[in-house]
Amino acid sequence: MHVRRSDIYCAAALAQSSKHHATAPGEVVRQYCDFKIGRISSENFAQPPSLTTWEEEPGWDGATVVSGFQIISTKVSQDRAIITVRWQVLGHFDAERVVAEQKQEVLEYHLKRVGGLWKIDSPVIGPHVSALTLRAFVLSNFPDDLHRQELIRELDSLTQKKI
């Protein structure tokens, strides 16, 4: 399966029912990390609220497939914050296949207050999405791809395994 770079973006702004920017640093990170919404479509980037300091998202050729995340610590100091997140990683999607790699990944998200709003300043990382979200993305965006069924089977097998 060939996935164009423009097809997989780590969209900083998420499609949400609420258009309001979170007021607490932890809520900003929670919205950014919402792996069920997807963060794989470039369409999401244009939707408010912007949760990051960067204006354009780099293109990604793949995604990290996850089963969940947990905020494990929050440190706030005036106009800066560090939110530590533990991801439950199931594997990686690399545009051609899914590779199982169950592990925990711990990332620190650095935020700063910009114009009175908390925004993620770093890291700029590839999308972290659920297997079900990625499955739906593949089904809707690649209906004629010959390798689609194999990729769907690989995604489905990830959800059968536990960390």
C-alpha atoms as a PDB file:
ATOM      1  CA  MET A   1       0.000   0.000   0.000  1.00  0.00           C
ATOM      2  CA  HIS A   2       1.352   3.413  -0.863  1.00  0.00           C
ATOM      3  CA  VAL A   3       0.361   6.263   1.411  1.00  0.00           C
ATOM      4  CA  ARG A   4       1.278   9.750   0.314  1.00  0.00           C
ATOM      5  CA  ARG A   5       2.990  11.948   2.841  1.00  0.00           C
ATOM      6  CA  SER A   6       0.089  14.385   2.604  1.00  0.00           C
ATOM      7  CA  ASP A   7      -2.335  11.619   3.604  1.00  0.00           C
ATOM      8  CA  ILE A   8      -0.843  11.155   7.045  1.00  0.00           C
ATOM      9  CA  TYR A   9      -0.341  14.274   9.110  1.00  0.00           C
ATOM     10  CA  CYS A  10      -0.009  14.656  12.811  1.00  0.00           C
ATOM     11  CA  ALA A  11      -2.749  17.238  12.961  1.00  0.00           C
ATOM     12  CA  ALA A  12      -2.342  19.460  15.973  1.00  0.00           C
ATOM     13  CA  ALA A  13      -5.911  20.670  16.028  1.00  0.00           C
ATOM     14  CA  LEU A  14      -8.509  17.994  16.494  1.00  0.00           C
ATOM     15  CA  ALA A  15     -12.055  17.576  15.273  1.00  0.00           C
ATOM     16  CA  GLN A  16     -13.985  18.133  18.458  1.00  0.00           C
ATOM     17  CA  SER A  17     -17.493  18.876  19.497  1.00  0.00           C
ATOM     18  CA  SER A  18     -16.121  21.711  21.615  1.00  0.00           C
ATOM     19  CA  LYS A  19     -14.382  24.512  19.740  1.00  0.00           C
ATOM     20  CA  HIS A  20     -12.992  25.987  22.980  1.00  0.00           C
ATOM     21  CA  HIS A  21      -9.311  25.946  23.772  1.00  0.00           C
ATOM     22  CA  ALA A  22      -8.532  24.091  26.991  1.00  0.00           C
ATOM     23  CA  THR A  23      -7.532  26.349  29.864  1.00  0.00           C
ATOM     24  CA  ALA A  24      -5.205  23.947  31.717  1.00  0.00           C
ATOM     25  CA  PRO A  25      -1.945  22.527  30.302  1.00  0.00           C
ATOM     26  CA  GLY A  26      -3.032  18.951  31.038  1.00  0.00           C
ATOM     27  CA  GLU A  27      -6.266  19.420  29.101  1.00  0.00           C
ATOM     28  CA  VAL A  28      -4.367  20.822  26.099  1.00  0.00           C
ATOM     29  CA  VAL A  29      -2.187  17.698  26.050  1.00  0.00           C
ATOM     30  CA  ARG A  30      -5.233  15.459  26.564  1.00  0.00           C
ATOM     31  CA  GLN A  31      -6.928  17.028  23.517  1.00  0.00           C
ATOM     32  CA  TYR A  32      -3.728  16.758  21.453  1.00  0.00           C
ATOM     33  CA  CYS A  33      -3.230  13.105  22.404  1.00  0.00           C
ATOM     34  CA  ASP A  34      -6.836  12.045  21.768  1.00  0.00           C
ATOM     35  CA  PHE A  35      -5.935   8.965  19.732  1.00  0.00           C
ATOM     36  CA  LYS A  36      -9.568   8.008  19.029  1.00  0.00           C
ATOM     37  CA  ILE A  37     -10.175  11.156  16.978  1.00  0.00           C
ATOM     38  CA  GLY A  38      -7.320  10.297  14.736  1.00  0.00           C
ATOM     39  CA  ARG A  39      -4.766  13.049  14.159  1.00  0.00           C
ATOM     40  CA  ILE A  40      -3.981  11.397  10.820  1.00  0.00           C
ATOM     41  CA  SER A  41      -5.966  13.540   8.433  1.00  0.00           C
ATOM     42  CA  SER A  42      -4.579  16.823   7.140  1.00  0.00           C
ATOM     43  CA  GLU A  43      -8.172  18.091   7.311  1.00  0.00           C
ATOM     44  CA  ASN A  44      -7.903  18.221  11.114  1.00  0.00           C
ATOM     45  CA  PHE A  45      -5.122  20.813  11.032  1.00  0.00           C
ATOM     46  CA  ALA A  46      -7.441  23.588   9.844  1.00  0.00           C
ATOM     47  CA  GLN A  47      -9.988  22.971  12.582  1.00  0.00           C
ATOM     48  CA  PRO A  48      -9.755  25.095  15.739  1.00  0.00           C
ATOM     49  CA  PRO A  49      -8.481  25.161  18.359  1.00  0.00           C
ATOM     50  CA  SER A  50      -4.784  25.184  17.528  1.00  0.00           C
ATOM     51  CA  LEU A  51      -3.032  23.349  20.329  1.00  0.00           C
ATOM     52  CA  THR A  52       0.566  23.872  19.198  1.00  0.00           C
ATOM     53  CA  THR A  53       2.983  26.730  18.628  1.00  0.00           C
ATOM     54  CA  TRP A  54       3.934  25.509  15.147  1.00  0.00           C
ATOM     55  CA  GLU A  55       1.759  26.726  12.298  1.00  0.00           C
ATOM     56  CA  GLU A  56       2.173  23.840   9.883  1.00  0.00           C
ATOM     57  CA  GLU A  57       2.456  20.194  10.670  1.00  0.00           C
ATOM     58  CA  PRO A  58       5.249  18.193   9.017  1.00  0.00           C
ATOM     59  CA  GLY A  59       4.169  15.372   6.730  1.00  0.00           C
ATOM     60  CA  TRP A  60       4.405  11.871   8.135  1.00  0.00           C
ATOM     61  CA  ASP A  61       4.773   8.608   6.248  1.00  0.00           C
ATOM     62  CA  GLY A  62       3.413   6.514   9.077  1.00  0.00           C
ATOM     63  CA  ALA A  63       1.865   6.437  12.509  1.00  0.00           C
ATOM     64  CA  THR A  64       2.363   4.881  15.907  1.00  0.00           C
ATOM     65  CA  VAL A  65      -0.545   2.563  16.690  1.00  0.00           C
ATOM     66  CA  VAL A  66      -1.640   2.806  20.330  1.00  0.00           C
ATOM     67  CA  SER A  67      -4.239   1.400  22.686  1.00  0.00           C
ATOM     68  CA  GLY A  68      -4.224   4.324  25.094  1.00  0.00           C
ATOM     69  CA  PHE A  69      -2.329   6.969  26.998  1.00  0.00           C
ATOM     70  CA  GLN A  70      -2.120   8.316  30.522  1.00  0.00           C
ATOM     71  CA  ILE A  71      -0.914  11.655  31.832  1.00  0.00           C
ATOM     72  CA  ILE A  72       1.501  10.661  34.588  1.00  0.00           C
ATOM     73  CA  SER A  73       2.795  14.045  35.749  1.00  0.00           C
ATOM     74  CA  THR A  74       2.154  17.745  35.400  1.00  0.00           C
ATOM     75  CA  LYS A  75       4.655  20.491  36.253  1.00  0.00           C
ATOM     76  CA  VAL A  76       3.554  24.111  35.827  1.00  0.00           C
ATOM     77  CA  SER A  77       5.768  27.138  36.406  1.00  0.00           C
ATOM     78  CA  GLN A  78       4.353  30.536  35.411  1.00  0.00           C
ATOM     79  CA  ASP A  79       4.200  30.518  31.587  1.00  0.00           C
ATOM     80  CA  ARG A  80       5.770  27.071  31.058  1.00  0.00           C
ATOM     81  CA  ALA A  81       4.557  23.536  31.722  1.00  0.00           C
ATOM     82  CA  ILE A  82       5.785  19.991  31.233  1.00  0.00           C
ATOM     83  CA  ILE A  83       3.202  17.223  30.920  1.00  0.00           C
ATOM     84  CA  THR A  84       4.517  13.650  30.931  1.00  0.00           C
ATOM     85  CA  VAL A  85       2.461  11.076  29.034  1.00  0.00           C
ATOM     86  CA  ARG A  86       2.777   7.291  28.965  1.00  0.00           C
ATOM     87  CA  TRP A  87       1.586   5.759  25.692  1.00  0.00           C
ATOM     88  CA  GLN A  88       0.589   2.089  25.339  1.00  0.00           C
ATOM     89  CA  VAL A  89       2.125   1.325  21.941  1.00  0.00           C
ATOM     90  CA  LEU A  90       0.881  -1.647  19.911  1.00  0.00           C
ATOM     91  CA  GLY A  91       3.046  -1.134  16.832  1.00  0.00           C
ATOM     92  CA  HIS A  92       3.861   1.082  13.888  1.00  0.00           C
ATOM     93  CA  PHE A  93       2.246   1.727  10.533  1.00  0.00           C
ATOM     94  CA  ASP A  94       4.889   2.584   7.943  1.00  0.00           C
ATOM     95  CA  ALA A  95       2.818   3.140   4.783  1.00  0.00           C
ATOM     96  CA  GLU A  96       3.336  -0.423   3.551  1.00  0.00           C
ATOM     97  CA  ARG A  97       2.627  -2.587   6.570  1.00  0.00           C
ATOM     98  CA  VAL A  98       1.946  -2.732  10.272  1.00  0.00           C
ATOM     99  CA  VAL A  99       4.772  -3.881  12.508  1.00  0.00           C
ATOM    100  CA  ALA A 100       3.837  -5.131  15.974  1.00  0.00           C
ATOM    101  CA  GLU A 101       5.984  -3.618  18.717  1.00  0.00           C
ATOM    102  CA  GLN A 102       4.256  -3.627  22.058  1.00  0.00           C
ATOM    103  CA  LYS A 103       5.857  -1.290  24.538  1.00  0.00           C
ATOM    104  CA  GLN A 104       5.306   1.725  26.704  1.00  0.00           C
ATOM    105  CA  GLU A 105       6.534   5.063  25.417  1.00  0.00           C
ATOM    106  CA  VAL A 106       6.989   8.002  27.783  1.00  0.00           C
ATOM    107  CA  LEU A 107       7.056  11.500  26.282  1.00  0.00           C
ATOM    108  CA  GLU A 108       7.363  14.929  27.843  1.00  0.00           C
ATOM    109  CA  TYR A 109       5.219  17.601  26.221  1.00  0.00           C
ATOM    110  CA  HIS A 110       6.587  21.111  26.771  1.00  0.00           C
ATOM    111  CA  LEU A 111       3.975  23.863  26.751  1.00  0.00           C
ATOM    112  CA  LYS A 112       4.133  27.619  26.906  1.00  0.00           C
ATOM    113  CA  ARG A 113       1.500  30.263  27.346  1.00  0.00           C
ATOM    114  CA  VAL A 114       0.934  32.198  24.100  1.00  0.00           C
ATOM    115  CA  GLY A 115      -1.512  35.093  24.163  1.00  0.00           C
ATOM    116  CA  GLY A 116      -3.028  33.741  27.364  1.00  0.00           C
ATOM    117  CA  LEU A 117      -3.505  30.225  25.921  1.00  0.00           C
ATOM    118  CA  TRP A 118      -1.493  27.110  26.686  1.00  0.00           C
ATOM    119  CA  LYS A 119       0.107  25.569  23.576  1.00  0.00           C
ATOM    120  CA  ILE A 120       2.407  22.613  23.019  1.00  0.00           C
ATOM    121  CA  ASP A 121       5.852  23.874  22.014  1.00  0.00           C
ATOM    122  CA  SER A 122       7.557  20.478  21.659  1.00  0.00           C
ATOM    123  CA  PRO A 123       8.042  17.715  20.737  1.00  0.00           C
ATOM    124  CA  VAL A 124       6.841  17.613  17.151  1.00  0.00           C
ATOM    125  CA  ILE A 125       6.099  13.891  16.855  1.00  0.00           C
ATOM    126  CA  GLY A 126       4.326  11.641  14.400  1.00  0.00           C
ATOM    127  CA  PRO A 127       0.690  10.740  14.930  1.00  0.00           C
ATOM    128  CA  HIS A 128      -0.317   8.307  17.655  1.00  0.00           C
ATOM    129  CA  VAL A 129      -3.623   6.702  16.679  1.00  0.00           C
ATOM    130  CA  SER A 130      -5.783   3.767  17.695  1.00  0.00           C
ATOM    131  CA  ALA A 131      -5.872   0.676  15.484  1.00  0.00           C
ATOM    132  CA  LEU A 132      -9.609   1.236  14.938  1.00  0.00           C
ATOM    133  CA  THR A 133      -9.062   4.841  13.811  1.00  0.00           C
ATOM    134  CA  LEU A 134      -6.280   3.815  11.443  1.00  0.00           C
ATOM    135  CA  ARG A 135      -8.423   0.937  10.153  1.00  0.00           C
ATOM    136  CA  ALA A 136     -11.282   3.342   9.350  1.00  0.00           C
ATOM    137  CA  PHE A 137      -8.826   5.728   7.688  1.00  0.00           C
ATOM    138  CA  VAL A 138      -7.440   2.966   5.456  1.00  0.00           C
ATOM    139  CA  LEU A 139     -10.909   1.709   4.515  1.00  0.00           C
ATOM    140  CA  SER A 140     -12.202   5.155   3.588  1.00  0.00           C
ATOM    141  CA  ASN A 141      -9.101   6.526   1.847  1.00  0.00           C
ATOM    142  CA  PHE A 142      -7.784   3.486  -0.046  1.00  0.00           C
ATOM    143  CA  PRO A 143     -10.831   1.585  -1.343  1.00  0.00           C
ATOM    144  CA  ASP A 144      -9.068   0.242  -4.440  1.00  0.00           C
ATOM    145  CA  ASP A 145      -5.658  -0.582  -2.978  1.00  0.00           C
ATOM    146  CA  LEU A 146      -4.684  -4.224  -3.515  1.00  0.00           C
ATOM    147  CA  HIS A 147      -2.889  -4.524  -0.160  1.00  0.00           C
ATOM    148  CA  ARG A 148      -5.695  -2.985   1.880  1.00  0.00           C
ATOM    149  CA  GLN A 149      -7.081  -6.289   3.224  1.00  0.00           C
ATOM    150  CA  GLU A 150      -3.643  -7.424   4.376  1.00  0.00           C
ATOM    151  CA  LEU A 151      -3.138  -4.144   6.217  1.00  0.00           C
ATOM    152  CA  ILE A 152      -6.583  -4.447   7.826  1.00  0.00           C
ATOM    153  CA  ARG A 153      -5.735  -7.976   9.028  1.00  0.00           C
ATOM    154  CA  GLU A 154      -2.450  -6.713  10.498  1.00  0.00           C
ATOM    155  CA  LEU A 155      -4.255  -3.870  12.300  1.00  0.00           C
ATOM    156  CA  ASP A 156      -6.898  -6.259  13.607  1.00  0.00           C
ATOM    157  CA  SER A 157      -4.207  -8.614  14.932  1.00  0.00           C
ATOM    158  CA  LEU A 158      -2.697  -5.764  16.962  1.00  0.00           C
ATOM    159  CA  THR A 159      -5.909  -5.289  18.906  1.00  0.00           C
ATOM    160  CA  GLN A 160      -5.954  -9.001  19.849  1.00  0.00           C
ATOM    161  CA  LYS A 161      -2.604  -8.733  21.667  1.00  0.00           C
ATOM    162  CA  LYS A 162      -2.158  -7.234  25.135  1.00  0.00           C
ATOM    163  CA  ILE A 163       0.841  -5.429  26.619  1.00  0.00           C
END
